[in-house]
């Protein structure tokens, strides 16, 4: 039986970036070192800021990709909606072509009748 994969949503992807296991491990290690006295308060704060910078860098690389993805999806949606409009136009053109063909056939018969009555 196949498992249906759901498309990850933005919240899930951001959560993975913010709560990355490697960064959480680094944070735990910094907390342990601070509690054991191996790090001063200033060094501990510095470690936290460095971890936050890593998260920020990951977000900065992710956000432009996400914006590009959203724009691409929007363009595809607009194109798909436009195709339904073009199909309506094609239907109208087809109906007008049929009408013109009918009128043309009638005019041809009228001219044939006129030509035969004149001769």
C-alpha atoms as a PDB file:
ATOM      1  CA  UNK A   1       0.000   0.000   0.000  1.00  0.00           C
ATOM      2  CA  UNK A   2       1.376   3.380  -0.963  1.00  0.00           C
ATOM      3  CA  UNK A   3       1.744   6.078   1.615  1.00  0.00           C
ATOM      4  CA  UNK A   4       0.502   9.423   0.381  1.00  0.00           C
ATOM      5  CA  UNK A   5       3.097  12.105   0.968  1.00  0.00           C
ATOM      6  CA  UNK A   6       1.756  15.446   1.959  1.00  0.00           C
ATOM      7  CA  UNK A   7       3.397  18.578   0.694  1.00  0.00           C
ATOM      8  CA  UNK A   8       5.248  20.191   3.604  1.00  0.00           C
ATOM      9  CA  UNK A   9       3.804  23.503   4.600  1.00  0.00           C
ATOM     10  CA  UNK A  10       5.737  26.652   5.391  1.00  0.00           C
ATOM     11  CA  UNK A  11       5.372  26.278   9.165  1.00  0.00           C
ATOM     12  CA  UNK A  12       6.916  22.808   9.082  1.00  0.00           C
ATOM     13  CA  UNK A  13       9.837  23.931   6.966  1.00  0.00           C
ATOM     14  CA  UNK A  14      10.538  26.948   9.166  1.00  0.00           C
ATOM     15  CA  UNK A  15      10.289  24.785  12.273  1.00  0.00           C
ATOM     16  CA  UNK A  16      12.921  22.431  10.842  1.00  0.00           C
ATOM     17  CA  UNK A  17      15.250  25.364  10.281  1.00  0.00           C
ATOM     18  CA  UNK A  18      14.716  26.967  13.687  1.00  0.00           C
ATOM     19  CA  UNK A  19      14.837  23.719  15.657  1.00  0.00           C
ATOM     20  CA  UNK A  20      17.573  21.952  13.705  1.00  0.00           C
ATOM     21  CA  UNK A  21      18.971  19.045  15.724  1.00  0.00           C
ATOM     22  CA  UNK A  22      22.581  20.106  15.261  1.00  0.00           C
ATOM     23  CA  UNK A  23      21.887  23.602  16.623  1.00  0.00           C
ATOM     24  CA  UNK A  24      19.891  22.207  19.522  1.00  0.00           C
ATOM     25  CA  UNK A  25      22.809  19.911  20.333  1.00  0.00           C
ATOM     26  CA  UNK A  26      25.167  22.886  20.308  1.00  0.00           C
ATOM     27  CA  UNK A  27      22.783  24.768  22.597  1.00  0.00           C
ATOM     28  CA  UNK A  28      22.616  21.834  25.051  1.00  0.00           C
ATOM     29  CA  UNK A  29      26.400  21.650  25.075  1.00  0.00           C
ATOM     30  CA  UNK A  30      26.672  25.389  25.748  1.00  0.00           C
ATOM     31  CA  UNK A  31      24.165  25.085  28.611  1.00  0.00           C
ATOM     32  CA  UNK A  32      26.099  22.167  30.135  1.00  0.00           C
ATOM     33  CA  UNK A  33      29.368  24.082  29.887  1.00  0.00           C
ATOM     34  CA  UNK A  34      27.773  27.180  31.436  1.00  0.00           C
ATOM     35  CA  UNK A  35      26.272  25.150  34.292  1.00  0.00           C
ATOM     36  CA  UNK A  36      29.603  23.446  34.966  1.00  0.00           C
ATOM     37  CA  UNK A  37      31.415  26.794  34.962  1.00  0.00           C
ATOM     38  CA  UNK A  38      33.426  26.164  31.799  1.00  0.00           C
ATOM     39  CA  UNK A  39      31.769  29.175  30.132  1.00  0.00           C
ATOM     40  CA  UNK A  40      31.281  32.637  31.551  1.00  0.00           C
ATOM     41  CA  UNK A  41      27.982  34.425  31.149  1.00  0.00           C
ATOM     42  CA  UNK A  42      29.450  36.523  28.321  1.00  0.00           C
ATOM     43  CA  UNK A  43      30.744  33.406  26.517  1.00  0.00           C
ATOM     44  CA  UNK A  44      27.386  31.696  26.983  1.00  0.00           C
ATOM     45  CA  UNK A  45      25.553  34.683  25.496  1.00  0.00           C
ATOM     46  CA  UNK A  46      28.033  34.716  22.647  1.00  0.00           C
ATOM     47  CA  UNK A  47      27.314  31.034  21.943  1.00  0.00           C
ATOM     48  CA  UNK A  48      23.557  31.701  21.902  1.00  0.00           C
ATOM     49  CA  UNK A  49      24.023  34.649  19.529  1.00  0.00           C
ATOM     50  CA  UNK A  50      26.198  32.535  17.217  1.00  0.00           C
ATOM     51  CA  UNK A  51      23.513  29.850  17.128  1.00  0.00           C
ATOM     52  CA  UNK A  52      20.880  32.452  16.333  1.00  0.00           C
ATOM     53  CA  UNK A  53      23.082  33.799  13.537  1.00  0.00           C
ATOM     54  CA  UNK A  54      23.261  30.287  12.066  1.00  0.00           C
ATOM     55  CA  UNK A  55      19.458  30.103  12.148  1.00  0.00           C
ATOM     56  CA  UNK A  56      19.222  33.543  10.541  1.00  0.00           C
ATOM     57  CA  UNK A  57      21.625  32.515   7.761  1.00  0.00           C
ATOM     58  CA  UNK A  58      19.583  29.385   7.082  1.00  0.00           C
ATOM     59  CA  UNK A  59      16.400  31.463   6.924  1.00  0.00           C
ATOM     60  CA  UNK A  60      18.051  34.004   4.610  1.00  0.00           C
ATOM     61  CA  UNK A  61      18.908  31.246   2.163  1.00  0.00           C
ATOM     62  CA  UNK A  62      15.462  29.629   2.462  1.00  0.00           C
ATOM     63  CA  UNK A  63      13.225  32.703   2.106  1.00  0.00           C
ATOM     64  CA  UNK A  64      14.288  33.734  -1.448  1.00  0.00           C
ATOM     65  CA  UNK A  65      13.775  30.139  -2.579  1.00  0.00           C
ATOM     66  CA  UNK A  66      10.299  30.112  -1.018  1.00  0.00           C
ATOM     67  CA  UNK A  67       9.401  33.457  -2.607  1.00  0.00           C
ATOM     68  CA  UNK A  68      10.524  32.160  -6.004  1.00  0.00           C
ATOM     69  CA  UNK A  69       8.438  29.020  -5.474  1.00  0.00           C
ATOM     70  CA  UNK A  70       5.341  31.035  -4.548  1.00  0.00           C
ATOM     71  CA  UNK A  71       5.784  33.309  -7.579  1.00  0.00           C
ATOM     72  CA  UNK A  72       6.199  30.312  -9.872  1.00  0.00           C
ATOM     73  CA  UNK A  73       3.062  28.670  -8.454  1.00  0.00           C
ATOM     74  CA  UNK A  74       1.165  31.942  -8.886  1.00  0.00           C
ATOM     75  CA  UNK A  75       2.253  32.214 -12.525  1.00  0.00           C
ATOM     76  CA  UNK A  76       1.197  28.627 -13.194  1.00  0.00           C
ATOM     77  CA  UNK A  77      -2.182  29.228 -11.545  1.00  0.00           C
ATOM     78  CA  UNK A  78      -2.748  32.391 -13.561  1.00  0.00           C
ATOM     79  CA  UNK A  79      -1.789  30.551 -16.746  1.00  0.00           C
ATOM     80  CA  UNK A  80      -4.171  27.703 -15.897  1.00  0.00           C
ATOM     81  CA  UNK A  81      -6.996  30.159 -15.230  1.00  0.00           C
ATOM     82  CA  UNK A  82      -6.161  31.918 -18.480  1.00  0.00           C
ATOM     83  CA  UNK A  83      -6.492  28.652 -20.381  1.00  0.00           C
ATOM     84  CA  UNK A  84     -10.114  28.352 -19.291  1.00  0.00           C
ATOM     85  CA  UNK A  85     -10.692  31.859 -20.641  1.00  0.00           C
ATOM     86  CA  UNK A  86      -9.001  30.951 -23.901  1.00  0.00           C
ATOM     87  CA  UNK A  87     -11.148  27.837 -24.188  1.00  0.00           C
ATOM     88  CA  UNK A  88     -14.230  30.056 -23.851  1.00  0.00           C
ATOM     89  CA  UNK A  89     -12.874  32.283 -26.594  1.00  0.00           C
ATOM     90  CA  UNK A  90     -12.184  29.260 -28.784  1.00  0.00           C
ATOM     91  CA  UNK A  91     -15.753  28.081 -28.247  1.00  0.00           C
ATOM     92  CA  UNK A  92     -17.109  31.508 -29.221  1.00  0.00           C
ATOM     93  CA  UNK A  93     -14.907  31.574 -32.331  1.00  0.00           C
ATOM     94  CA  UNK A  94     -16.109  28.093 -33.274  1.00  0.00           C
ATOM     95  CA  UNK A  95     -19.759  29.166 -32.886  1.00  0.00           C
ATOM     96  CA  UNK A  96     -19.154  32.274 -35.027  1.00  0.00           C
ATOM     97  CA  UNK A  97     -17.416  30.164 -37.675  1.00  0.00           C
ATOM     98  CA  UNK A  98     -20.451  27.878 -37.806  1.00  0.00           C
ATOM     99  CA  UNK A  99     -22.753  30.892 -38.116  1.00  0.00           C
ATOM    100  CA  UNK A 100     -20.636  32.375 -40.926  1.00  0.00           C
ATOM    101  CA  UNK A 101     -20.594  29.020 -42.699  1.00  0.00           C
ATOM    102  CA  UNK A 102     -24.389  28.813 -42.486  1.00  0.00           C
ATOM    103  CA  UNK A 103     -24.762  32.383 -43.792  1.00  0.00           C
ATOM    104  CA  UNK A 104     -22.261  31.662 -46.570  1.00  0.00           C
ATOM    105  CA  UNK A 105     -24.194  28.549 -47.642  1.00  0.00           C
ATOM    106  CA  UNK A 106     -27.481  30.490 -47.725  1.00  0.00           C
ATOM    107  CA  UNK A 107     -25.912  33.356 -49.705  1.00  0.00           C
ATOM    108  CA  UNK A 108     -24.483  30.857 -52.190  1.00  0.00           C
ATOM    109  CA  UNK A 109     -27.925  29.327 -52.693  1.00  0.00           C
ATOM    110  CA  UNK A 110     -29.463  32.782 -53.130  1.00  0.00           C
ATOM    111  CA  UNK A 111     -26.865  33.739 -55.776  1.00  0.00           C
ATOM    112  CA  UNK A 112     -27.321  30.404 -57.546  1.00  0.00           C
ATOM    113  CA  UNK A 113     -31.088  30.999 -57.635  1.00  0.00           C
ATOM    114  CA  UNK A 114     -30.545  34.539 -58.923  1.00  0.00           C
ATOM    115  CA  UNK A 115     -28.139  33.321 -61.621  1.00  0.00           C
ATOM    116  CA  UNK A 116     -30.544  30.581 -62.731  1.00  0.00           C
ATOM    117  CA  UNK A 117     -33.531  32.969 -62.782  1.00  0.00           C
ATOM    118  CA  UNK A 118     -31.609  35.587 -64.762  1.00  0.00           C
ATOM    119  CA  UNK A 119     -30.656  33.150 -67.482  1.00  0.00           C
END
